[in-house]
Amino acid sequence: MDRVEVKGIELLAARNQAELLAFLLNEQGVKTGKLVAINAEKVILSEEQPDVRQLLAKAEYNYADGISVVWTIHKKYPQFADLERIAGADLWLALMQQSANLGTPVFLVGGQADVLAETFTKLNTMGVNVVGTQDGYFSLDQEITIFEQIKQSGAKIISVALGSPKQEQFMQKAQVYYPDALYMGVGGSYDVFVGKVKRAPKCWQNAGLEWLYRLLKQPTRWQRQCRLIKYAYHYWRNQL
């Protein structure tokens, strides 16, 4: 698959979710590596924090989750003017559905214990072969044990809901211990999946305003959203 670059971060040039899903998981098997959603906040965070930049540089499959990143790709790469935003929560659910179709084993990491349990139950109902779970409340001392559990489970997709950059850090270490799987950072996807957190209405999503909806619902996010202003500055000055 072709690749593009935004502020030094290499991304897959997947034109839509279906194309990316077919690339990652099909009848021939599942890709191995780390799958990371890239939005404006993460681009600026990588500029501010070298350790985050290194994590993203080592990720095999970055993709455009944020609408601002999609607009940047359109601006820099006219040949990808039809490239669409791929929302992480939607991609995760599609990946779970495809794993059910193909019998691909899945391991779930992260989230609160009750949310994780409900996620496990719902996925089982869908026919997903969930071979192990671990909630998000563990210490660094417990990580090796978790890596061993993942390896012994034989999972081929590891879904990691720890928030950024913690989930990327976890995936980087886990991959060294067990490289034969696809690791996907999914943020708050479990909460959305079980209905604990509501996503923006489709009209907001289609208008590229899901970030604003989240800000209105969670005003405490305003400090994080300040990075959008910095991203917009870079965008208009062609510095991306």
C-alpha atoms as a PDB file:
ATOM      1  CA  MET A   1       0.000   0.000   0.000  1.00  0.00           C
ATOM      2  CA  ASP A   2       1.179   3.533  -0.794  1.00  0.00           C
ATOM      3  CA  ARG A   3       2.299   5.789   2.033  1.00  0.00           C
ATOM      4  CA  VAL A   4       2.207   9.511   2.710  1.00  0.00           C
ATOM      5  CA  GLU A   5       3.909  11.754   5.265  1.00  0.00           C
ATOM      6  CA  VAL A   6       2.546  14.385   7.642  1.00  0.00           C
ATOM      7  CA  LYS A   7       5.002  16.370   9.787  1.00  0.00           C
ATOM      8  CA  GLY A   8       7.535  13.569   9.562  1.00  0.00           C
ATOM      9  CA  ILE A   9       5.025  10.821  10.396  1.00  0.00           C
ATOM     10  CA  GLU A  10       4.539   8.135   7.754  1.00  0.00           C
ATOM     11  CA  LEU A  11       0.942   6.994   7.198  1.00  0.00           C
ATOM     12  CA  LEU A  12      -0.761   4.388   5.063  1.00  0.00           C
ATOM     13  CA  ALA A  13      -2.564   6.007   2.136  1.00  0.00           C
ATOM     14  CA  ALA A  14      -5.693   3.903   2.634  1.00  0.00           C
ATOM     15  CA  ARG A  15      -8.496   5.630   0.779  1.00  0.00           C
ATOM     16  CA  ASN A  16     -11.235   4.233   3.007  1.00  0.00           C
ATOM     17  CA  GLN A  17     -11.939   1.810   5.817  1.00  0.00           C
ATOM     18  CA  ALA A  18     -12.751  -1.113   3.528  1.00  0.00           C
ATOM     19  CA  GLU A  19      -9.405  -0.792   1.751  1.00  0.00           C
ATOM     20  CA  LEU A  20      -7.480  -0.646   5.020  1.00  0.00           C
ATOM     21  CA  LEU A  21      -9.403  -3.564   6.515  1.00  0.00           C
ATOM     22  CA  ALA A  22      -8.720  -5.749   3.468  1.00  0.00           C
ATOM     23  CA  PHE A  23      -5.041  -4.857   3.716  1.00  0.00           C
ATOM     24  CA  LEU A  24      -4.817  -5.750   7.409  1.00  0.00           C
ATOM     25  CA  LEU A  25      -6.905  -8.913   7.604  1.00  0.00           C
ATOM     26  CA  ASN A  26      -8.053 -11.250   4.852  1.00  0.00           C
ATOM     27  CA  GLU A  27      -8.235 -14.949   4.022  1.00  0.00           C
ATOM     28  CA  GLN A  28      -4.456 -15.056   3.596  1.00  0.00           C
ATOM     29  CA  GLY A  29      -3.935 -13.961   7.197  1.00  0.00           C
ATOM     30  CA  VAL A  30      -3.379 -10.907   9.356  1.00  0.00           C
ATOM     31  CA  LYS A  31      -0.605  -8.339   9.097  1.00  0.00           C
ATOM     32  CA  THR A  32       1.823  -8.224  12.003  1.00  0.00           C
ATOM     33  CA  GLY A  33       2.901  -4.948  13.566  1.00  0.00           C
ATOM     34  CA  LYS A  34       1.426  -1.951  15.342  1.00  0.00           C
ATOM     35  CA  LEU A  35      -1.658  -0.117  14.069  1.00  0.00           C
ATOM     36  CA  VAL A  36      -1.882   3.482  15.296  1.00  0.00           C
ATOM     37  CA  ALA A  37      -4.522   6.155  14.707  1.00  0.00           C
ATOM     38  CA  ILE A  38      -3.083   9.570  13.850  1.00  0.00           C
ATOM     39  CA  ASN A  39      -4.926  12.825  14.538  1.00  0.00           C
ATOM     40  CA  ALA A  40      -3.873  16.459  14.889  1.00  0.00           C
ATOM     41  CA  GLU A  41      -3.299  16.179  18.622  1.00  0.00           C
ATOM     42  CA  LYS A  42      -0.962  13.222  18.174  1.00  0.00           C
ATOM     43  CA  VAL A  43       0.983  14.993  15.415  1.00  0.00           C
ATOM     44  CA  ILE A  44       1.658  17.980  17.675  1.00  0.00           C
ATOM     45  CA  LEU A  45       2.341  15.750  20.676  1.00  0.00           C
ATOM     46  CA  SER A  46       5.005  13.972  18.634  1.00  0.00           C
ATOM     47  CA  GLU A  47       6.557  17.358  17.904  1.00  0.00           C
ATOM     48  CA  GLU A  48       6.601  18.245  21.603  1.00  0.00           C
ATOM     49  CA  GLN A  49       7.725  14.871  22.963  1.00  0.00           C
ATOM     50  CA  PRO A  50      10.588  12.999  21.239  1.00  0.00           C
ATOM     51  CA  ASP A  51       9.607   9.701  22.877  1.00  0.00           C
ATOM     52  CA  VAL A  52       6.167   9.893  21.243  1.00  0.00           C
ATOM     53  CA  ARG A  53       7.767  10.691  17.892  1.00  0.00           C
ATOM     54  CA  GLN A  54       9.925   7.584  18.219  1.00  0.00           C
ATOM     55  CA  LEU A  55       6.891   5.438  19.022  1.00  0.00           C
ATOM     56  CA  LEU A  56       5.058   6.668  15.922  1.00  0.00           C
ATOM     57  CA  ALA A  57       8.157   6.228  13.770  1.00  0.00           C
ATOM     58  CA  LYS A  58       8.346   2.589  14.865  1.00  0.00           C
ATOM     59  CA  ALA A  59       4.663   1.901  14.179  1.00  0.00           C
ATOM     60  CA  GLU A  60       4.273  -0.145  11.007  1.00  0.00           C
ATOM     61  CA  TYR A  61       0.746   1.022  10.208  1.00  0.00           C
ATOM     62  CA  ASN A  62      -0.206   4.606  11.038  1.00  0.00           C
ATOM     63  CA  TYR A  63      -3.496   5.736   9.507  1.00  0.00           C
ATOM     64  CA  ALA A  64      -5.466   8.996   9.266  1.00  0.00           C
ATOM     65  CA  ASP A  65      -8.042   9.042  12.055  1.00  0.00           C
ATOM     66  CA  GLY A  66      -8.343  12.839  12.408  1.00  0.00           C
ATOM     67  CA  ILE A  67     -10.101  14.986   9.811  1.00  0.00           C
ATOM     68  CA  SER A  68      -7.326  17.600  10.034  1.00  0.00           C
ATOM     69  CA  VAL A  69      -4.794  14.969   9.029  1.00  0.00           C
ATOM     70  CA  VAL A  70      -7.014  13.953   6.106  1.00  0.00           C
ATOM     71  CA  TRP A  71      -7.211  17.578   4.931  1.00  0.00           C
ATOM     72  CA  THR A  72      -3.423  17.792   5.133  1.00  0.00           C
ATOM     73  CA  ILE A  73      -3.038  14.700   2.960  1.00  0.00           C
ATOM     74  CA  HIS A  74      -5.462  16.154   0.409  1.00  0.00           C
ATOM     75  CA  LYS A  75      -3.433  19.358   0.339  1.00  0.00           C
ATOM     76  CA  LYS A  76      -0.026  17.705   0.027  1.00  0.00           C
ATOM     77  CA  TYR A  77      -0.996  14.771  -2.178  1.00  0.00           C
ATOM     78  CA  PRO A  78      -3.587  15.646  -4.865  1.00  0.00           C
ATOM     79  CA  GLN A  79      -3.526  12.028  -6.061  1.00  0.00           C
ATOM     80  CA  PHE A  80      -5.150  11.079  -2.742  1.00  0.00           C
ATOM     81  CA  ALA A  81      -7.883  13.714  -2.841  1.00  0.00           C
ATOM     82  CA  ASP A  82     -10.470  10.970  -2.317  1.00  0.00           C
ATOM     83  CA  LEU A  83      -8.825   9.633   0.854  1.00  0.00           C
ATOM     84  CA  GLU A  84     -11.368   9.462   3.679  1.00  0.00           C
ATOM     85  CA  ARG A  85     -11.073   9.749   7.423  1.00  0.00           C
ATOM     86  CA  ILE A  86     -10.975   6.318   9.091  1.00  0.00           C
ATOM     87  CA  ALA A  87     -12.363   6.580  12.619  1.00  0.00           C
ATOM     88  CA  GLY A  88     -10.521   4.299  15.013  1.00  0.00           C
ATOM     89  CA  ALA A  89     -13.678   3.089  16.778  1.00  0.00           C
ATOM     90  CA  ASP A  90     -15.247   2.135  13.441  1.00  0.00           C
ATOM     91  CA  LEU A  91     -12.115   0.399  12.195  1.00  0.00           C
ATOM     92  CA  TRP A  92     -11.802  -1.573  15.429  1.00  0.00           C
ATOM     93  CA  LEU A  93     -15.398  -2.810  15.187  1.00  0.00           C
ATOM     94  CA  ALA A  94     -14.941  -3.743  11.519  1.00  0.00           C
ATOM     95  CA  LEU A  95     -11.758  -5.601  12.422  1.00  0.00           C
ATOM     96  CA  MET A  96     -13.603  -7.496  15.152  1.00  0.00           C
ATOM     97  CA  GLN A  97     -16.389  -8.421  12.719  1.00  0.00           C
ATOM     98  CA  GLN A  98     -13.869  -9.624  10.150  1.00  0.00           C
ATOM     99  CA  SER A  99     -12.001 -11.610  12.803  1.00  0.00           C
ATOM    100  CA  ALA A 100     -15.286 -13.352  13.619  1.00  0.00           C
ATOM    101  CA  ASN A 101     -15.781 -14.194   9.944  1.00  0.00           C
ATOM    102  CA  LEU A 102     -12.277 -15.639   9.630  1.00  0.00           C
ATOM    103  CA  GLY A 103     -11.926 -17.179  13.094  1.00  0.00           C
ATOM    104  CA  THR A 104      -8.945 -14.989  13.968  1.00  0.00           C
ATOM    105  CA  PRO A 105      -8.181 -15.121  17.725  1.00  0.00           C
ATOM    106  CA  VAL A 106      -8.307 -11.817  19.630  1.00  0.00           C
ATOM    107  CA  PHE A 107      -6.871 -10.665  22.976  1.00  0.00           C
ATOM    108  CA  LEU A 108      -8.342  -7.596  24.707  1.00  0.00           C
ATOM    109  CA  VAL A 109      -6.213  -5.273  26.843  1.00  0.00           C
ATOM    110  CA  GLY A 110      -7.324  -2.160  28.720  1.00  0.00           C
ATOM    111  CA  GLY A 111     -10.433  -0.479  30.014  1.00  0.00           C
ATOM    112  CA  GLN A 112     -12.204  -0.742  33.336  1.00  0.00           C
ATOM    113  CA  ALA A 113     -12.951  -4.278  34.495  1.00  0.00           C
ATOM    114  CA  ASP A 114     -16.719  -3.948  34.073  1.00  0.00           C
ATOM    115  CA  VAL A 115     -16.421  -2.358  30.627  1.00  0.00           C
ATOM    116  CA  LEU A 116     -13.940  -5.015  29.537  1.00  0.00           C
ATOM    117  CA  ALA A 117     -16.238  -7.798  30.747  1.00  0.00           C
ATOM    118  CA  GLU A 118     -19.170  -6.342  28.818  1.00  0.00           C
ATOM    119  CA  THR A 119     -16.991  -5.896  25.732  1.00  0.00           C
ATOM    120  CA  PHE A 120     -15.924  -9.547  25.996  1.00  0.00           C
ATOM    121  CA  THR A 121     -19.550 -10.689  26.239  1.00  0.00           C
ATOM    122  CA  LYS A 122     -20.732  -8.593  23.292  1.00  0.00           C
ATOM    123  CA  LEU A 123     -17.860  -9.723  21.091  1.00  0.00           C
ATOM    124  CA  ASN A 124     -18.537 -13.358  21.953  1.00  0.00           C
ATOM    125  CA  THR A 125     -22.153 -12.838  20.929  1.00  0.00           C
ATOM    126  CA  MET A 126     -20.849 -11.560  17.574  1.00  0.00           C
ATOM    127  CA  GLY A 127     -18.814 -14.738  17.174  1.00  0.00           C
ATOM    128  CA  VAL A 128     -15.427 -13.188  17.916  1.00  0.00           C
ATOM    129  CA  ASN A 129     -12.921 -15.704  19.279  1.00  0.00           C
ATOM    130  CA  VAL A 130     -11.669 -13.765  22.321  1.00  0.00           C
ATOM    131  CA  VAL A 131      -8.881 -15.881  23.785  1.00  0.00           C
ATOM    132  CA  GLY A 132      -7.910 -13.629  26.683  1.00  0.00           C
ATOM    133  CA  THR A 133      -8.466 -10.316  28.455  1.00  0.00           C
ATOM    134  CA  GLN A 134      -6.595  -7.965  30.784  1.00  0.00           C
ATOM    135  CA  ASP A 135      -8.069  -4.760  32.173  1.00  0.00           C
ATOM    136  CA  GLY A 136      -6.113  -1.518  32.153  1.00  0.00           C
ATOM    137  CA  TYR A 137      -5.207  -1.521  35.825  1.00  0.00           C
ATOM    138  CA  PHE A 138      -1.810  -3.165  36.102  1.00  0.00           C
ATOM    139  CA  SER A 139       1.682  -2.112  37.115  1.00  0.00           C
ATOM    140  CA  LEU A 140       4.850  -2.109  35.033  1.00  0.00           C
ATOM    141  CA  ASP A 141       6.015  -5.080  37.094  1.00  0.00           C
ATOM    142  CA  GLN A 142       3.068  -7.096  35.771  1.00  0.00           C
ATOM    143  CA  GLU A 143       3.711  -6.403  32.090  1.00  0.00           C
ATOM    144  CA  ILE A 144       5.970  -9.390  31.426  1.00  0.00           C
ATOM    145  CA  THR A 145       3.316 -11.704  32.850  1.00  0.00           C
ATOM    146  CA  ILE A 146       0.716 -10.098  30.568  1.00  0.00           C
ATOM    147  CA  PHE A 147       3.009 -10.422  27.547  1.00  0.00           C
ATOM    148  CA  GLU A 148       3.404 -14.114  28.356  1.00  0.00           C
ATOM    149  CA  GLN A 149      -0.380 -14.525  28.626  1.00  0.00           C
ATOM    150  CA  ILE A 150      -0.818 -12.901  25.229  1.00  0.00           C
ATOM    151  CA  LYS A 151       1.838 -15.125  23.680  1.00  0.00           C
ATOM    152  CA  GLN A 152       0.439 -18.303  25.205  1.00  0.00           C
ATOM    153  CA  SER A 153      -3.085 -17.413  24.050  1.00  0.00           C
ATOM    154  CA  GLY A 154      -2.035 -17.562  20.401  1.00  0.00           C
ATOM    155  CA  ALA A 155      -3.929 -14.340  19.665  1.00  0.00           C
ATOM    156  CA  LYS A 156      -3.339 -12.797  16.247  1.00  0.00           C
ATOM    157  CA  ILE A 157      -5.031  -9.471  17.020  1.00  0.00           C
ATOM    158  CA  ILE A 158      -4.294  -7.645  20.281  1.00  0.00           C
ATOM    159  CA  SER A 159      -6.651  -4.751  20.966  1.00  0.00           C
ATOM    160  CA  VAL A 160      -5.103  -2.234  23.409  1.00  0.00           C
ATOM    161  CA  ALA A 161      -7.289   0.393  25.101  1.00  0.00           C
ATOM    162  CA  LEU A 162      -4.955   2.324  27.394  1.00  0.00           C
ATOM    163  CA  GLY A 163      -5.039   5.799  25.858  1.00  0.00           C
ATOM    164  CA  SER A 164      -2.119   7.528  24.160  1.00  0.00           C
ATOM    165  CA  PRO A 165       0.796   7.352  24.513  1.00  0.00           C
ATOM    166  CA  LYS A 166       0.495   4.563  27.104  1.00  0.00           C
ATOM    167  CA  GLN A 167      -1.056   2.126  24.628  1.00  0.00           C
ATOM    168  CA  GLU A 168       1.666   2.763  22.045  1.00  0.00           C
ATOM    169  CA  GLN A 169       4.316   2.187  24.726  1.00  0.00           C
ATOM    170  CA  PHE A 170       2.642  -1.069  25.729  1.00  0.00           C
ATOM    171  CA  MET A 171       2.374  -2.266  22.134  1.00  0.00           C
ATOM    172  CA  GLN A 172       6.029  -1.492  21.448  1.00  0.00           C
ATOM    173  CA  LYS A 173       7.169  -3.605  24.402  1.00  0.00           C
ATOM    174  CA  ALA A 174       4.657  -6.393  23.789  1.00  0.00           C
ATOM    175  CA  GLN A 175       5.686  -6.701  20.149  1.00  0.00           C
ATOM    176  CA  VAL A 176       9.297  -7.343  21.145  1.00  0.00           C
ATOM    177  CA  TYR A 177       8.097 -10.191  23.363  1.00  0.00           C
ATOM    178  CA  TYR A 178       5.526 -11.538  20.899  1.00  0.00           C
ATOM    179  CA  PRO A 179       5.909 -10.226  17.322  1.00  0.00           C
ATOM    180  CA  ASP A 180       3.487 -12.605  15.586  1.00  0.00           C
ATOM    181  CA  ALA A 181       0.353 -10.470  15.855  1.00  0.00           C
ATOM    182  CA  LEU A 182      -1.339  -7.215  14.922  1.00  0.00           C
ATOM    183  CA  TYR A 183      -1.465  -4.740  17.811  1.00  0.00           C
ATOM    184  CA  MET A 184      -4.126  -2.040  17.546  1.00  0.00           C
ATOM    185  CA  GLY A 185      -4.358   0.978  19.845  1.00  0.00           C
ATOM    186  CA  VAL A 186      -8.055   1.660  20.347  1.00  0.00           C
ATOM    187  CA  GLY A 187      -8.305   4.377  23.016  1.00  0.00           C
ATOM    188  CA  GLY A 188     -11.854   4.572  24.319  1.00  0.00           C
ATOM    189  CA  SER A 189     -13.412   2.195  21.783  1.00  0.00           C
ATOM    190  CA  TYR A 190     -14.596  -0.271  24.430  1.00  0.00           C
ATOM    191  CA  ASP A 191     -16.537   2.479  26.213  1.00  0.00           C
ATOM    192  CA  VAL A 192     -18.215   3.440  22.942  1.00  0.00           C
ATOM    193  CA  PHE A 193     -18.890  -0.197  22.039  1.00  0.00           C
ATOM    194  CA  VAL A 194     -20.780  -0.955  25.265  1.00  0.00           C
ATOM    195  CA  GLY A 195     -22.630   2.377  25.265  1.00  0.00           C
ATOM    196  CA  LYS A 196     -20.866   3.939  28.235  1.00  0.00           C
ATOM    197  CA  VAL A 197     -19.704   6.837  26.056  1.00  0.00           C
ATOM    198  CA  LYS A 198     -21.719   8.174  23.132  1.00  0.00           C
ATOM    199  CA  ARG A 199     -20.028   9.241  19.922  1.00  0.00           C
ATOM    200  CA  ALA A 200     -20.972  12.396  18.099  1.00  0.00           C
ATOM    201  CA  PRO A 201     -24.071  12.159  15.867  1.00  0.00           C
ATOM    202  CA  LYS A 202     -23.331  11.187  12.273  1.00  0.00           C
ATOM    203  CA  CYS A 203     -23.905  14.732  11.046  1.00  0.00           C
ATOM    204  CA  TRP A 204     -21.118  15.963  13.347  1.00  0.00           C
ATOM    205  CA  GLN A 205     -18.839  13.121  12.244  1.00  0.00           C
ATOM    206  CA  ASN A 206     -19.482  13.789   8.561  1.00  0.00           C
ATOM    207  CA  ALA A 207     -18.749  17.483   9.051  1.00  0.00           C
ATOM    208  CA  GLY A 208     -15.419  16.663  10.674  1.00  0.00           C
ATOM    209  CA  LEU A 209     -16.563  18.067  14.024  1.00  0.00           C
ATOM    210  CA  GLU A 210     -16.414  15.003  16.245  1.00  0.00           C
ATOM    211  CA  TRP A 211     -13.547  16.646  18.154  1.00  0.00           C
ATOM    212  CA  LEU A 212     -15.773  19.659  18.921  1.00  0.00           C
ATOM    213  CA  TYR A 213     -18.612  17.431  20.098  1.00  0.00           C
ATOM    214  CA  ARG A 214     -16.253  15.677  22.512  1.00  0.00           C
ATOM    215  CA  LEU A 215     -14.980  19.022  23.763  1.00  0.00           C
ATOM    216  CA  LEU A 216     -18.520  20.250  24.437  1.00  0.00           C
ATOM    217  CA  LYS A 217     -19.345  17.027  26.273  1.00  0.00           C
ATOM    218  CA  GLN A 218     -16.027  16.978  28.151  1.00  0.00           C
ATOM    219  CA  PRO A 219     -14.835  20.576  28.719  1.00  0.00           C
ATOM    220  CA  THR A 220     -11.823  19.237  30.626  1.00  0.00           C
ATOM    221  CA  ARG A 221     -10.383  18.276  27.223  1.00  0.00           C
ATOM    222  CA  TRP A 222      -9.752  21.937  26.324  1.00  0.00           C
ATOM    223  CA  GLN A 223      -6.044  21.802  27.153  1.00  0.00           C
ATOM    224  CA  ARG A 224      -5.604  18.846  24.806  1.00  0.00           C
ATOM    225  CA  GLN A 225      -7.587  20.586  22.080  1.00  0.00           C
ATOM    226  CA  CYS A 226      -5.235  23.584  22.229  1.00  0.00           C
ATOM    227  CA  ARG A 227      -2.922  21.478  20.106  1.00  0.00           C
ATOM    228  CA  LEU A 228      -5.479  21.788  17.298  1.00  0.00           C
ATOM    229  CA  ILE A 229      -4.733  25.514  17.130  1.00  0.00           C
ATOM    230  CA  LYS A 230      -1.040  24.789  16.735  1.00  0.00           C
ATOM    231  CA  TYR A 231      -1.818  22.205  14.055  1.00  0.00           C
ATOM    232  CA  ALA A 232      -4.012  24.708  12.182  1.00  0.00           C
ATOM    233  CA  TYR A 233      -1.150  27.218  12.248  1.00  0.00           C
ATOM    234  CA  HIS A 234       1.192  24.667  10.684  1.00  0.00           C
ATOM    235  CA  TYR A 235      -1.488  23.748   8.140  1.00  0.00           C
ATOM    236  CA  TRP A 236      -2.035  27.274   6.870  1.00  0.00           C
ATOM    237  CA  ARG A 237       1.710  27.913   6.697  1.00  0.00           C
ATOM    238  CA  ASN A 238       2.285  24.676   4.757  1.00  0.00           C
ATOM    239  CA  GLN A 239       4.528  23.336   7.518  1.00  0.00           C
ATOM    240  CA  LEU A 240       3.053  19.852   7.637  1.00  0.00           C
END
